[in-house]
Amino acid sequence: MTILISIPSYRKVELDTEKSHTVYCIGVNTATQSYHLEKRYSEFEALHKKLKKKRSDLPHFPSKSVLKWNPKVLETRRTVLEAYLQVDVVSGSEIPRSLLSFLNLPNIDSTQNMMPNLNNSSYNSAE
């Protein structure tokens, strides 16, 4: 089974006048399901910490930024986070359980292929 993954966009979530954050819209497609989920940067950071315990060859992880609402910063972070998720999608490699859990796919066999989906445009980038 192939799993397609992409982060086509992000959006700003305003909780009240003083609190807001960005969520990254993740598209996940398998042979039996297709869905979207949203994750905050802090959730990506937690995933990174889990993966780092088991692997030393992880790709660059984007750092926090004081310019967190700058569209260029957000777009760069989106593309880097997408590439980060796709590092473990090499055909034939085992997908880490923590990544499957992050994607809400805990029952998928971790030895299945996972391929990037760069053409998913279900969301549009927004500030």
PDB file of N, CA and C in Angstrom:
ATOM      1  N   MET A   1       0.847  -1.188   0.000  1.00  0.00           N
ATOM      2  CA  MET A   1       0.000   0.000   0.000  1.00  0.00           C
ATOM      3  C   MET A   1       0.887   1.245   0.000  1.00  0.00           C
ATOM      4  N   THR A   2       0.471   2.234  -0.737  1.00  0.00           N
ATOM      5  CA  THR A   2       1.204   3.492  -0.795  1.00  0.00           C
ATOM      6  C   THR A   2       0.478   4.544   0.027  1.00  0.00           C
ATOM      7  N   ILE A   3       1.233   5.338   0.751  1.00  0.00           N
ATOM      8  CA  ILE A   3       0.685   6.456   1.514  1.00  0.00           C
ATOM      9  C   ILE A   3       1.235   7.729   0.885  1.00  0.00           C
ATOM     10  N   LEU A   4       0.342   8.622   0.496  1.00  0.00           N
ATOM     11  CA  LEU A   4       0.737   9.913  -0.077  1.00  0.00           C
ATOM     12  C   LEU A   4       0.597  10.973   1.006  1.00  0.00           C
ATOM     13  N   ILE A   5       1.566  11.851   1.095  1.00  0.00           N
ATOM     14  CA  ILE A   5       1.539  12.883   2.126  1.00  0.00           C
ATOM     15  C   ILE A   5       1.986  14.220   1.549  1.00  0.00           C
ATOM     16  N   SER A   6       1.327  15.292   1.980  1.00  0.00           N
ATOM     17  CA  SER A   6       1.719  16.637   1.552  1.00  0.00           C
ATOM     18  C   SER A   6       1.289  17.646   2.603  1.00  0.00           C
ATOM     19  N   ILE A   7       1.902  18.808   2.560  1.00  0.00           N
ATOM     20  CA  ILE A   7       1.459  19.952   3.363  1.00  0.00           C
ATOM     21  C   ILE A   7       1.241  21.080   2.363  1.00  0.00           C
ATOM     22  N   PRO A   8       0.060  21.131   1.765  1.00  0.00           N
ATOM     23  CA  PRO A   8      -0.173  22.130   0.727  1.00  0.00           C
ATOM     24  C   PRO A   8      -0.363  23.556   1.243  1.00  0.00           C
ATOM     25  N   SER A   9      -0.659  23.698   2.550  1.00  0.00           N
ATOM     26  CA  SER A   9      -0.941  25.050   3.023  1.00  0.00           C
ATOM     27  C   SER A   9      -0.861  25.150   4.539  1.00  0.00           C
ATOM     28  N   TYR A  10      -1.141  26.336   5.009  1.00  0.00           N
ATOM     29  CA  TYR A  10      -1.206  26.644   6.434  1.00  0.00           C
ATOM     30  C   TYR A  10      -2.303  27.674   6.616  1.00  0.00           C
ATOM     31  N   ARG A  11      -2.722  27.866   7.858  1.00  0.00           N
ATOM     32  CA  ARG A  11      -3.700  28.923   8.128  1.00  0.00           C
ATOM     33  C   ARG A  11      -3.529  29.422   9.554  1.00  0.00           C
ATOM     34  N   LYS A  12      -3.962  30.627   9.763  1.00  0.00           N
ATOM     35  CA  LYS A  12      -3.885  31.250  11.078  1.00  0.00           C
ATOM     36  C   LYS A  12      -5.174  30.951  11.835  1.00  0.00           C
ATOM     37  N   VAL A  13      -5.038  30.532  13.079  1.00  0.00           N
ATOM     38  CA  VAL A  13      -6.184  30.256  13.942  1.00  0.00           C
ATOM     39  C   VAL A  13      -6.170  31.311  15.041  1.00  0.00           C
ATOM     40  N   GLU A  14      -7.246  32.080  15.124  1.00  0.00           N
ATOM     41  CA  GLU A  14      -7.343  33.117  16.149  1.00  0.00           C
ATOM     42  C   GLU A  14      -8.289  32.645  17.235  1.00  0.00           C
ATOM     43  N   LEU A  15      -7.747  32.449  18.434  1.00  0.00           N
ATOM     44  CA  LEU A  15      -8.545  31.985  19.556  1.00  0.00           C
ATOM     45  C   LEU A  15      -9.292  33.134  20.214  1.00  0.00           C
ATOM     46  N   ASP A  16      -8.647  34.263  20.332  1.00  0.00           N
ATOM     47  CA  ASP A  16      -9.263  35.499  20.798  1.00  0.00           C
ATOM     48  C   ASP A  16      -8.399  36.647  20.289  1.00  0.00           C
ATOM     49  N   THR A  17      -8.630  37.838  20.768  1.00  0.00           N
ATOM     50  CA  THR A  17      -7.905  38.994  20.235  1.00  0.00           C
ATOM     51  C   THR A  17      -6.414  38.967  20.543  1.00  0.00           C
ATOM     52  N   GLU A  18      -6.011  38.228  21.571  1.00  0.00           N
ATOM     53  CA  GLU A  18      -4.601  38.210  21.948  1.00  0.00           C
ATOM     54  C   GLU A  18      -3.883  36.906  21.626  1.00  0.00           C
ATOM     55  N   LYS A  19      -4.629  35.850  21.361  1.00  0.00           N
ATOM     56  CA  LYS A  19      -3.996  34.553  21.134  1.00  0.00           C
ATOM     57  C   LYS A  19      -4.320  34.023  19.747  1.00  0.00           C
ATOM     58  N   SER A  20      -3.274  33.653  19.045  1.00  0.00           N
ATOM     59  CA  SER A  20      -3.448  33.029  17.736  1.00  0.00           C
ATOM     60  C   SER A  20      -2.228  32.161  17.452  1.00  0.00           C
ATOM     61  N   HIS A  21      -2.401  31.240  16.524  1.00  0.00           N
ATOM     62  CA  HIS A  21      -1.303  30.365  16.126  1.00  0.00           C
ATOM     63  C   HIS A  21      -1.540  29.894  14.697  1.00  0.00           C
ATOM     64  N   THR A  22      -0.523  29.295  14.134  1.00  0.00           N
ATOM     65  CA  THR A  22      -0.601  28.764  12.776  1.00  0.00           C
ATOM     66  C   THR A  22      -0.757  27.260  12.842  1.00  0.00           C
ATOM     67  N   VAL A  23      -1.614  26.726  11.971  1.00  0.00           N
ATOM     68  CA  VAL A  23      -1.698  25.280  11.803  1.00  0.00           C
ATOM     69  C   VAL A  23      -1.303  24.962  10.369  1.00  0.00           C
ATOM     70  N   TYR A  24      -0.646  23.826  10.212  1.00  0.00           N
ATOM     71  CA  TYR A  24      -0.225  23.359   8.897  1.00  0.00           C
ATOM     72  C   TYR A  24      -1.184  22.265   8.474  1.00  0.00           C
ATOM     73  N   CYS A  25      -1.730  22.400   7.271  1.00  0.00           N
ATOM     74  CA  CYS A  25      -2.760  21.503   6.749  1.00  0.00           C
ATOM     75  C   CYS A  25      -2.083  20.352   6.012  1.00  0.00           C
ATOM     76  N   ILE A  26      -2.223  19.164   6.551  1.00  0.00           N
ATOM     77  CA  ILE A  26      -1.544  17.982   6.020  1.00  0.00           C
ATOM     78  C   ILE A  26      -2.548  17.119   5.274  1.00  0.00           C
ATOM     79  N   GLY A  27      -2.220  16.747   4.052  1.00  0.00           N
ATOM     80  CA  GLY A  27      -3.046  15.829   3.271  1.00  0.00           C
ATOM     81  C   GLY A  27      -2.455  14.433   3.345  1.00  0.00           C
ATOM     82  N   VAL A  28      -3.289  13.454   3.683  1.00  0.00           N
ATOM     83  CA  VAL A  28      -2.851  12.060   3.775  1.00  0.00           C
ATOM     84  C   VAL A  28      -3.786  11.219   2.923  1.00  0.00           C
ATOM     85  N   ASN A  29      -3.214  10.414   2.045  1.00  0.00           N
ATOM     86  CA  ASN A  29      -4.009   9.535   1.182  1.00  0.00           C
ATOM     87  C   ASN A  29      -3.430   8.129   1.223  1.00  0.00           C
ATOM     88  N   THR A  30      -4.306   7.154   1.452  1.00  0.00           N
ATOM     89  CA  THR A  30      -3.929   5.748   1.359  1.00  0.00           C
ATOM     90  C   THR A  30      -4.886   5.107   0.359  1.00  0.00           C
ATOM     91  N   ALA A  31      -4.739   3.827   0.136  1.00  0.00           N
ATOM     92  CA  ALA A  31      -5.630   3.129  -0.791  1.00  0.00           C
ATOM     93  C   ALA A  31      -7.064   3.094  -0.273  1.00  0.00           C
ATOM     94  N   THR A  32      -7.234   3.200   1.036  1.00  0.00           N
ATOM     95  CA  THR A  32      -8.572   3.079   1.620  1.00  0.00           C
ATOM     96  C   THR A  32      -9.128   4.367   2.193  1.00  0.00           C
ATOM     97  N   GLN A  33      -8.310   5.391   2.334  1.00  0.00           N
ATOM     98  CA  GLN A  33      -8.809   6.633   2.921  1.00  0.00           C
ATOM     99  C   GLN A  33      -8.022   7.842   2.435  1.00  0.00           C
ATOM    100  N   SER A  34      -8.688   8.969   2.494  1.00  0.00           N
ATOM    101  CA  SER A  34      -8.076  10.238   2.130  1.00  0.00           C
ATOM    102  C   SER A  34      -8.603  11.272   3.118  1.00  0.00           C
ATOM    103  N   TYR A  35      -7.721  11.989   3.762  1.00  0.00           N
ATOM    104  CA  TYR A  35      -8.181  12.962   4.743  1.00  0.00           C
ATOM    105  C   TYR A  35      -7.141  14.055   4.950  1.00  0.00           C
ATOM    106  N   HIS A  36      -7.557  15.075   5.670  1.00  0.00           N
ATOM    107  CA  HIS A  36      -6.676  16.182   6.025  1.00  0.00           C
ATOM    108  C   HIS A  36      -6.666  16.314   7.539  1.00  0.00           C
ATOM    109  N   LEU A  37      -5.544  16.712   8.059  1.00  0.00           N
ATOM    110  CA  LEU A  37      -5.457  17.026   9.467  1.00  0.00           C
ATOM    111  C   LEU A  37      -4.612  18.272   9.620  1.00  0.00           C
ATOM    112  N   GLU A  38      -4.742  18.910  10.742  1.00  0.00           N
ATOM    113  CA  GLU A  38      -3.994  20.133  11.001  1.00  0.00           C
ATOM    114  C   GLU A  38      -3.120  19.936  12.231  1.00  0.00           C
ATOM    115  N   LYS A  39      -1.903  20.417  12.128  1.00  0.00           N
ATOM    116  CA  LYS A  39      -0.949  20.302  13.231  1.00  0.00           C
ATOM    117  C   LYS A  39      -0.250  21.635  13.438  1.00  0.00           C
ATOM    118  N   ARG A  40      -0.036  21.957  14.702  1.00  0.00           N
ATOM    119  CA  ARG A  40       0.709  23.155  15.057  1.00  0.00           C
ATOM    120  C   ARG A  40       2.209  22.875  14.976  1.00  0.00           C
ATOM    121  N   TYR A  41       2.983  23.940  14.916  1.00  0.00           N
ATOM    122  CA  TYR A  41       4.440  23.807  14.906  1.00  0.00           C
ATOM    123  C   TYR A  41       4.910  23.008  16.121  1.00  0.00           C
ATOM    124  N   SER A  42       4.319  23.269  17.285  1.00  0.00           N
ATOM    125  CA  SER A  42       4.735  22.570  18.507  1.00  0.00           C
ATOM    126  C   SER A  42       4.537  21.059  18.395  1.00  0.00           C
ATOM    127  N   GLU A  43       3.538  20.623  17.635  1.00  0.00           N
ATOM    128  CA  GLU A  43       3.321  19.188  17.432  1.00  0.00           C
ATOM    129  C   GLU A  43       4.401  18.601  16.516  1.00  0.00           C
ATOM    130  N   PHE A  44       4.808  19.368  15.509  1.00  0.00           N
ATOM    131  CA  PHE A  44       5.928  18.946  14.661  1.00  0.00           C
ATOM    132  C   PHE A  44       7.208  18.861  15.498  1.00  0.00           C
ATOM    133  N   GLU A  45       7.383  19.834  16.372  1.00  0.00           N
ATOM    134  CA  GLU A  45       8.572  19.865  17.222  1.00  0.00           C
ATOM    135  C   GLU A  45       8.613  18.639  18.142  1.00  0.00           C
ATOM    136  N   ALA A  46       7.461  18.260  18.694  1.00  0.00           N
ATOM    137  CA  ALA A  46       7.384  17.067  19.548  1.00  0.00           C
ATOM    138  C   ALA A  46       7.717  15.811  18.741  1.00  0.00           C
ATOM    139  N   LEU A  47       7.218  15.734  17.506  1.00  0.00           N
ATOM    140  CA  LEU A  47       7.547  14.606  16.633  1.00  0.00           C
ATOM    141  C   LEU A  47       9.056  14.566  16.383  1.00  0.00           C
ATOM    142  N   HIS A  48       9.637  15.714  16.103  1.00  0.00           N
ATOM    143  CA  HIS A  48      11.074  15.795  15.848  1.00  0.00           C
ATOM    144  C   HIS A  48      11.869  15.249  17.040  1.00  0.00           C
ATOM    145  N   LYS A  49      11.468  15.614  18.245  1.00  0.00           N
ATOM    146  CA  LYS A  49      12.172  15.139  19.443  1.00  0.00           C
ATOM    147  C   LYS A  49      12.081  13.619  19.566  1.00  0.00           C
ATOM    148  N   LYS A  50      10.923  13.050  19.239  1.00  0.00           N
ATOM    149  CA  LYS A  50      10.757  11.590  19.291  1.00  0.00           C
ATOM    150  C   LYS A  50      11.629  10.906  18.243  1.00  0.00           C
ATOM    151  N   LEU A  51      11.608  11.436  17.025  1.00  0.00           N
ATOM    152  CA  LEU A  51      12.393  10.830  15.948  1.00  0.00           C
ATOM    153  C   LEU A  51      13.894  10.948  16.210  1.00  0.00           C
ATOM    154  N   LYS A  52      14.282  12.069  16.811  1.00  0.00           N
ATOM    155  CA  LYS A  52      15.696  12.337  17.077  1.00  0.00           C
ATOM    156  C   LYS A  52      16.292  11.319  18.057  1.00  0.00           C
ATOM    157  N   LYS A  53      15.457  10.772  18.926  1.00  0.00           N
ATOM    158  CA  LYS A  53      15.926   9.765  19.882  1.00  0.00           C
ATOM    159  C   LYS A  53      16.349   8.476  19.185  1.00  0.00           C
ATOM    160  N   LYS A  54      15.766   8.226  18.010  1.00  0.00           N
ATOM    161  CA  LYS A  54      16.035   6.975  17.302  1.00  0.00           C
ATOM    162  C   LYS A  54      16.909   7.139  16.066  1.00  0.00           C
ATOM    163  N   ARG A  55      17.030   8.377  15.575  1.00  0.00           N
ATOM    164  CA  ARG A  55      17.795   8.605  14.341  1.00  0.00           C
ATOM    165  C   ARG A  55      18.691   9.820  14.491  1.00  0.00           C
ATOM    166  N   SER A  56      19.872   9.715  13.943  1.00  0.00           N
ATOM    167  CA  SER A  56      20.792  10.854  13.986  1.00  0.00           C
ATOM    168  C   SER A  56      20.879  11.560  12.637  1.00  0.00           C
ATOM    169  N   ASP A  57      20.285  10.968  11.611  1.00  0.00           N
ATOM    170  CA  ASP A  57      20.401  11.516  10.254  1.00  0.00           C
ATOM    171  C   ASP A  57      19.157  12.279   9.804  1.00  0.00           C
ATOM    172  N   LEU A  58      18.474  12.911  10.735  1.00  0.00           N
ATOM    173  CA  LEU A  58      17.265  13.654  10.381  1.00  0.00           C
ATOM    174  C   LEU A  58      17.613  14.910   9.585  1.00  0.00           C
ATOM    175  N   PRO A  59      16.701  15.334   8.720  1.00  0.00           N
ATOM    176  CA  PRO A  59      16.944  16.559   7.953  1.00  0.00           C
ATOM    177  C   PRO A  59      16.794  17.796   8.833  1.00  0.00           C
ATOM    178  N   HIS A  60      17.102  18.927   8.259  1.00  0.00           N
ATOM    179  CA  HIS A  60      16.964  20.210   8.951  1.00  0.00           C
ATOM    180  C   HIS A  60      15.539  20.377   9.475  1.00  0.00           C
ATOM    181  N   PHE A  61      15.422  20.825  10.714  1.00  0.00           N
ATOM    182  CA  PHE A  61      14.116  21.134  11.289  1.00  0.00           C
ATOM    183  C   PHE A  61      14.051  22.643  11.476  1.00  0.00           C
ATOM    184  N   PRO A  62      12.990  23.286  10.995  1.00  0.00           N
ATOM    185  CA  PRO A  62      12.915  24.749  11.080  1.00  0.00           C
ATOM    186  C   PRO A  62      12.803  25.238  12.521  1.00  0.00           C
ATOM    187  N   SER A  63      13.530  26.280  12.820  1.00  0.00           N
ATOM    188  CA  SER A  63      13.499  26.835  14.171  1.00  0.00           C
ATOM    189  C   SER A  63      12.341  27.813  14.316  1.00  0.00           C
ATOM    190  N   LYS A  64      12.063  28.162  15.565  1.00  0.00           N
ATOM    191  CA  LYS A  64      11.038  29.168  15.826  1.00  0.00           C
ATOM    192  C   LYS A  64      11.537  30.507  15.299  1.00  0.00           C
ATOM    193  N   SER A  65      10.599  31.386  15.009  1.00  0.00           N
ATOM    194  CA  SER A  65      10.963  32.679  14.441  1.00  0.00           C
ATOM    195  C   SER A  65      10.180  33.794  15.118  1.00  0.00           C
ATOM    196  N   VAL A  66      10.833  34.922  15.328  1.00  0.00           N
ATOM    197  CA  VAL A  66      10.139  36.084  15.872  1.00  0.00           C
ATOM    198  C   VAL A  66       9.217  36.699  14.820  1.00  0.00           C
ATOM    199  N   LEU A  67       9.469  36.395  13.561  1.00  0.00           N
ATOM    200  CA  LEU A  67       8.631  36.889  12.461  1.00  0.00           C
ATOM    201  C   LEU A  67       7.597  35.834  12.073  1.00  0.00           C
ATOM    202  N   LYS A  68       6.963  35.226  13.071  1.00  0.00           N
ATOM    203  CA  LYS A  68       6.117  34.063  12.809  1.00  0.00           C
ATOM    204  C   LYS A  68       4.891  34.338  11.949  1.00  0.00           C
ATOM    205  N   TRP A  69       4.498  35.578  11.771  1.00  0.00           N
ATOM    206  CA  TRP A  69       3.335  35.868  10.921  1.00  0.00           C
ATOM    207  C   TRP A  69       3.739  36.363   9.533  1.00  0.00           C
ATOM    208  N   ASN A  70       5.017  36.469   9.285  1.00  0.00           N
ATOM    209  CA  ASN A  70       5.494  36.889   7.974  1.00  0.00           C
ATOM    210  C   ASN A  70       5.186  35.791   6.955  1.00  0.00           C
ATOM    211  N   PRO A  71       4.459  36.122   5.863  1.00  0.00           N
ATOM    212  CA  PRO A  71       4.093  35.102   4.868  1.00  0.00           C
ATOM    213  C   PRO A  71       5.282  34.342   4.284  1.00  0.00           C
ATOM    214  N   LYS A  72       6.406  35.012   4.084  1.00  0.00           N
ATOM    215  CA  LYS A  72       7.586  34.320   3.545  1.00  0.00           C
ATOM    216  C   LYS A  72       8.127  33.305   4.550  1.00  0.00           C
ATOM    217  N   VAL A  73       8.139  33.681   5.819  1.00  0.00           N
ATOM    218  CA  VAL A  73       8.595  32.772   6.878  1.00  0.00           C
ATOM    219  C   VAL A  73       7.662  31.571   6.960  1.00  0.00           C
ATOM    220  N   LEU A  74       6.356  31.820   6.918  1.00  0.00           N
ATOM    221  CA  LEU A  74       5.374  30.735   6.996  1.00  0.00           C
ATOM    222  C   LEU A  74       5.473  29.796   5.801  1.00  0.00           C
ATOM    223  N   GLU A  75       5.649  30.350   4.622  1.00  0.00           N
ATOM    224  CA  GLU A  75       5.747  29.515   3.424  1.00  0.00           C
ATOM    225  C   GLU A  75       7.035  28.688   3.434  1.00  0.00           C
ATOM    226  N   THR A  76       8.122  29.305   3.852  1.00  0.00           N
ATOM    227  CA  THR A  76       9.381  28.562   3.957  1.00  0.00           C
ATOM    228  C   THR A  76       9.245  27.440   4.977  1.00  0.00           C
ATOM    229  N   ARG A  77       8.653  27.740   6.116  1.00  0.00           N
ATOM    230  CA  ARG A  77       8.459  26.713   7.142  1.00  0.00           C
ATOM    231  C   ARG A  77       7.568  25.592   6.611  1.00  0.00           C
ATOM    232  N   ARG A  78       6.513  25.938   5.875  1.00  0.00           N
ATOM    233  CA  ARG A  78       5.613  24.926   5.312  1.00  0.00           C
ATOM    234  C   ARG A  78       6.389  23.955   4.422  1.00  0.00           C
ATOM    235  N   THR A  79       7.204  24.502   3.530  1.00  0.00           N
ATOM    236  CA  THR A  79       7.940  23.634   2.607  1.00  0.00           C
ATOM    237  C   THR A  79       8.990  22.791   3.337  1.00  0.00           C
ATOM    238  N   VAL A  80       9.630  23.368   4.344  1.00  0.00           N
ATOM    239  CA  VAL A  80      10.631  22.617   5.108  1.00  0.00           C
ATOM    240  C   VAL A  80       9.959  21.518   5.932  1.00  0.00           C
ATOM    241  N   LEU A  81       8.812  21.819   6.541  1.00  0.00           N
ATOM    242  CA  LEU A  81       8.094  20.790   7.302  1.00  0.00           C
ATOM    243  C   LEU A  81       7.607  19.669   6.386  1.00  0.00           C
ATOM    244  N   GLU A  82       7.150  20.026   5.192  1.00  0.00           N
ATOM    245  CA  GLU A  82       6.719  19.009   4.231  1.00  0.00           C
ATOM    246  C   GLU A  82       7.895  18.099   3.865  1.00  0.00           C
ATOM    247  N   ALA A  83       9.033  18.697   3.571  1.00  0.00           N
ATOM    248  CA  ALA A  83      10.225  17.908   3.248  1.00  0.00           C
ATOM    249  C   ALA A  83      10.649  17.066   4.447  1.00  0.00           C
ATOM    250  N   TYR A  84      10.503  17.611   5.632  1.00  0.00           N
ATOM    251  CA  TYR A  84      10.859  16.889   6.848  1.00  0.00           C
ATOM    252  C   TYR A  84      10.024  15.619   6.981  1.00  0.00           C
ATOM    253  N   LEU A  85       8.709  15.731   6.780  1.00  0.00           N
ATOM    254  CA  LEU A  85       7.848  14.551   6.863  1.00  0.00           C
ATOM    255  C   LEU A  85       8.195  13.544   5.779  1.00  0.00           C
ATOM    256  N   GLN A  86       8.591  14.027   4.633  1.00  0.00           N
ATOM    257  CA  GLN A  86       8.843  13.145   3.498  1.00  0.00           C
ATOM    258  C   GLN A  86      10.203  12.460   3.555  1.00  0.00           C
ATOM    259  N   VAL A  87      11.051  12.820   4.504  1.00  0.00           N
ATOM    260  CA  VAL A  87      12.367  12.187   4.591  1.00  0.00           C
ATOM    261  C   VAL A  87      12.243  10.696   4.890  1.00  0.00           C
ATOM    262  N   ASP A  88      11.218  10.301   5.595  1.00  0.00           N
ATOM    263  CA  ASP A  88      11.021   8.893   5.931  1.00  0.00           C
ATOM    264  C   ASP A  88      10.117   8.187   4.939  1.00  0.00           C
ATOM    265  N   VAL A  89       9.917   8.770   3.774  1.00  0.00           N
ATOM    266  CA  VAL A  89       9.002   8.180   2.802  1.00  0.00           C
ATOM    267  C   VAL A  89       9.720   7.460   1.671  1.00  0.00           C
ATOM    268  N   VAL A  90      10.998   7.233   1.819  1.00  0.00           N
ATOM    269  CA  VAL A  90      11.755   6.534   0.782  1.00  0.00           C
ATOM    270  C   VAL A  90      11.192   5.130   0.632  1.00  0.00           C
ATOM    271  N   SER A  91      10.910   4.754  -0.583  1.00  0.00           N
ATOM    272  CA  SER A  91      10.356   3.433  -0.863  1.00  0.00           C
ATOM    273  C   SER A  91      11.232   2.345  -0.254  1.00  0.00           C
ATOM    274  N   GLY A  92      10.582   1.440   0.452  1.00  0.00           N
ATOM    275  CA  GLY A  92      11.297   0.322   1.044  1.00  0.00           C
ATOM    276  C   GLY A  92      11.785   0.577   2.455  1.00  0.00           C
ATOM    277  N   SER A  93      11.724   1.810   2.939  1.00  0.00           N
ATOM    278  CA  SER A  93      12.161   2.069   4.304  1.00  0.00           C
ATOM    279  C   SER A  93      10.992   1.902   5.269  1.00  0.00           C
ATOM    280  N   GLU A  94      11.321   1.594   6.494  1.00  0.00           N
ATOM    281  CA  GLU A  94      10.280   1.430   7.504  1.00  0.00           C
ATOM    282  C   GLU A  94       9.856   2.799   8.010  1.00  0.00           C
ATOM    283  N   ILE A  95       8.561   3.007   8.107  1.00  0.00           N
ATOM    284  CA  ILE A  95       8.026   4.284   8.567  1.00  0.00           C
ATOM    285  C   ILE A  95       7.993   4.258  10.090  1.00  0.00           C
ATOM    286  N   PRO A  96       8.597   5.237  10.755  1.00  0.00           N
ATOM    287  CA  PRO A  96       8.597   5.247  12.218  1.00  0.00           C
ATOM    288  C   PRO A  96       7.179   5.288  12.793  1.00  0.00           C
ATOM    289  N   ARG A  97       6.952   4.522  13.842  1.00  0.00           N
ATOM    290  CA  ARG A  97       5.639   4.484  14.508  1.00  0.00           C
ATOM    291  C   ARG A  97       5.205   5.880  14.948  1.00  0.00           C
ATOM    292  N   SER A  98       6.150   6.681  15.431  1.00  0.00           N
ATOM    293  CA  SER A  98       5.791   8.025  15.890  1.00  0.00           C
ATOM    294  C   SER A  98       5.259   8.882  14.744  1.00  0.00           C
ATOM    295  N   LEU A  99       5.779   8.670  13.528  1.00  0.00           N
ATOM    296  CA  LEU A  99       5.272   9.396  12.363  1.00  0.00           C
ATOM    297  C   LEU A  99       3.874   8.907  11.998  1.00  0.00           C
ATOM    298  N   LEU A 100       3.662   7.598  12.040  1.00  0.00           N
ATOM    299  CA  LEU A 100       2.325   7.056  11.762  1.00  0.00           C
ATOM    300  C   LEU A 100       1.313   7.591  12.764  1.00  0.00           C
ATOM    301  N   SER A 101       1.699   7.644  14.020  1.00  0.00           N
ATOM    302  CA  SER A 101       0.815   8.171  15.056  1.00  0.00           C
ATOM    303  C   SER A 101       0.532   9.658  14.828  1.00  0.00           C
ATOM    304  N   PHE A 102       1.565  10.418  14.474  1.00  0.00           N
ATOM    305  CA  PHE A 102       1.428  11.845  14.177  1.00  0.00           C
ATOM    306  C   PHE A 102       0.408  12.070  13.063  1.00  0.00           C
ATOM    307  N   LEU A 103       0.412  11.172  12.080  1.00  0.00           N
ATOM    308  CA  LEU A 103      -0.500  11.265  10.935  1.00  0.00           C
ATOM    309  C   LEU A 103      -1.838  10.576  11.189  1.00  0.00           C
ATOM    310  N   ASN A 104      -2.051  10.135  12.419  1.00  0.00           N
ATOM    311  CA  ASN A 104      -3.273   9.413  12.798  1.00  0.00           C
ATOM    312  C   ASN A 104      -3.440   8.128  12.000  1.00  0.00           C
ATOM    313  N   LEU A 105      -2.341   7.429  11.756  1.00  0.00           N
ATOM    314  CA  LEU A 105      -2.342   6.152  11.042  1.00  0.00           C
ATOM    315  C   LEU A 105      -1.685   5.060  11.894  1.00  0.00           C
ATOM    316  N   PRO A 106      -2.061   4.911  13.156  1.00  0.00           N
ATOM    317  CA  PRO A 106      -1.351   3.965  14.020  1.00  0.00           C
ATOM    318  C   PRO A 106      -1.498   2.504  13.628  1.00  0.00           C
ATOM    319  N   ASN A 107      -2.527   2.139  12.865  1.00  0.00           N
ATOM    320  CA  ASN A 107      -2.746   0.737  12.512  1.00  0.00           C
ATOM    321  C   ASN A 107      -2.158   0.338  11.166  1.00  0.00           C
ATOM    322  N   ILE A 108      -1.481   1.259  10.493  1.00  0.00           N
ATOM    323  CA  ILE A 108      -0.858   0.957   9.207  1.00  0.00           C
ATOM    324  C   ILE A 108       0.453   0.212   9.458  1.00  0.00           C
ATOM    325  N   ASP A 109       0.744  -0.754   8.638  1.00  0.00           N
ATOM    326  CA  ASP A 109       2.005  -1.494   8.723  1.00  0.00           C
ATOM    327  C   ASP A 109       3.160  -0.535   8.435  1.00  0.00           C
ATOM    328  N   SER A 110       4.102  -0.436   9.335  1.00  0.00           N
ATOM    329  CA  SER A 110       5.188   0.544   9.197  1.00  0.00           C
ATOM    330  C   SER A 110       6.173   0.216   8.085  1.00  0.00           C
ATOM    331  N   THR A 111       6.033  -0.936   7.440  1.00  0.00           N
ATOM    332  CA  THR A 111       6.938  -1.267   6.335  1.00  0.00           C
ATOM    333  C   THR A 111       6.339  -0.916   4.982  1.00  0.00           C
ATOM    334  N   GLN A 112       5.143  -0.316   4.975  1.00  0.00           N
ATOM    335  CA  GLN A 112       4.510   0.057   3.711  1.00  0.00           C
ATOM    336  C   GLN A 112       5.207   1.257   3.096  1.00  0.00           C
ATOM    337  N   ASN A 113       5.074   1.379   1.795  1.00  0.00           N
ATOM    338  CA  ASN A 113       5.663   2.516   1.090  1.00  0.00           C
ATOM    339  C   ASN A 113       4.902   3.785   1.420  1.00  0.00           C
ATOM    340  N   MET A 114       5.615   4.869   1.493  1.00  0.00           N
ATOM    341  CA  MET A 114       5.019   6.168   1.739  1.00  0.00           C
ATOM    342  C   MET A 114       5.653   7.123   0.752  1.00  0.00           C
ATOM    343  N   MET A 115       4.858   7.751  -0.065  1.00  0.00           N
ATOM    344  CA  MET A 115       5.401   8.604  -1.113  1.00  0.00           C
ATOM    345  C   MET A 115       4.878  10.027  -0.972  1.00  0.00           C
ATOM    346  N   PRO A 116       5.675  11.027  -1.323  1.00  0.00           N
ATOM    347  CA  PRO A 116       5.221  12.407  -1.251  1.00  0.00           C
ATOM    348  C   PRO A 116       4.155  12.705  -2.293  1.00  0.00           C
ATOM    349  N   ASN A 117       3.230  13.563  -1.934  1.00  0.00           N
ATOM    350  CA  ASN A 117       2.196  13.999  -2.865  1.00  0.00           C
ATOM    351  C   ASN A 117       2.324  15.504  -3.001  1.00  0.00           C
ATOM    352  N   LEU A 118       2.975  15.940  -4.035  1.00  0.00           N
ATOM    353  CA  LEU A 118       3.248  17.363  -4.198  1.00  0.00           C
ATOM    354  C   LEU A 118       2.153  18.103  -4.942  1.00  0.00           C
ATOM    355  N   ASN A 119       1.154  17.388  -5.437  1.00  0.00           N
ATOM    356  CA  ASN A 119       0.115  18.027  -6.242  1.00  0.00           C
ATOM    357  C   ASN A 119      -1.200  18.202  -5.509  1.00  0.00           C
ATOM    358  N   ASN A 120      -1.247  17.926  -4.240  1.00  0.00           N
ATOM    359  CA  ASN A 120      -2.478  18.052  -3.478  1.00  0.00           C
ATOM    360  C   ASN A 120      -2.700  19.522  -3.146  1.00  0.00           C
ATOM    361  N   SER A 121      -3.783  20.073  -3.619  1.00  0.00           N
ATOM    362  CA  SER A 121      -4.044  21.494  -3.373  1.00  0.00           C
ATOM    363  C   SER A 121      -5.419  21.698  -2.761  1.00  0.00           C
ATOM    364  N   SER A 122      -5.791  20.859  -1.807  1.00  0.00           N
ATOM    365  CA  SER A 122      -7.095  20.967  -1.169  1.00  0.00           C
ATOM    366  C   SER A 122      -7.214  22.222  -0.323  1.00  0.00           C
ATOM    367  N   TYR A 123      -6.090  22.717   0.151  1.00  0.00           N
ATOM    368  CA  TYR A 123      -6.064  23.939   0.936  1.00  0.00           C
ATOM    369  C   TYR A 123      -5.286  24.984   0.152  1.00  0.00           C
ATOM    370  N   ASN A 124      -5.579  26.223   0.411  1.00  0.00           N
ATOM    371  CA  ASN A 124      -4.784  27.306  -0.160  1.00  0.00           C
ATOM    372  C   ASN A 124      -4.037  27.970   0.969  1.00  0.00           C
ATOM    373  N   SER A 125      -2.793  28.326   0.751  1.00  0.00           N
ATOM    374  CA  SER A 125      -2.016  28.992   1.789  1.00  0.00           C
ATOM    375  C   SER A 125      -2.685  30.296   2.163  1.00  0.00           C
ATOM    376  N   ALA A 126      -2.720  30.551   3.453  1.00  0.00           N
ATOM    377  CA  ALA A 126      -3.315  31.780   3.964  1.00  0.00           C
ATOM    378  C   ALA A 126      -2.491  32.251   5.140  1.00  0.00           C
ATOM    379  N   GLU A 127      -2.550  33.514   5.395  1.00  0.00           N
ATOM    380  CA  GLU A 127      -1.781  34.059   6.505  1.00  0.00           C
ATOM    381  C   GLU A 127      -2.439  33.734   7.806  1.00  0.00           C
TER     382      GLU A 127
END
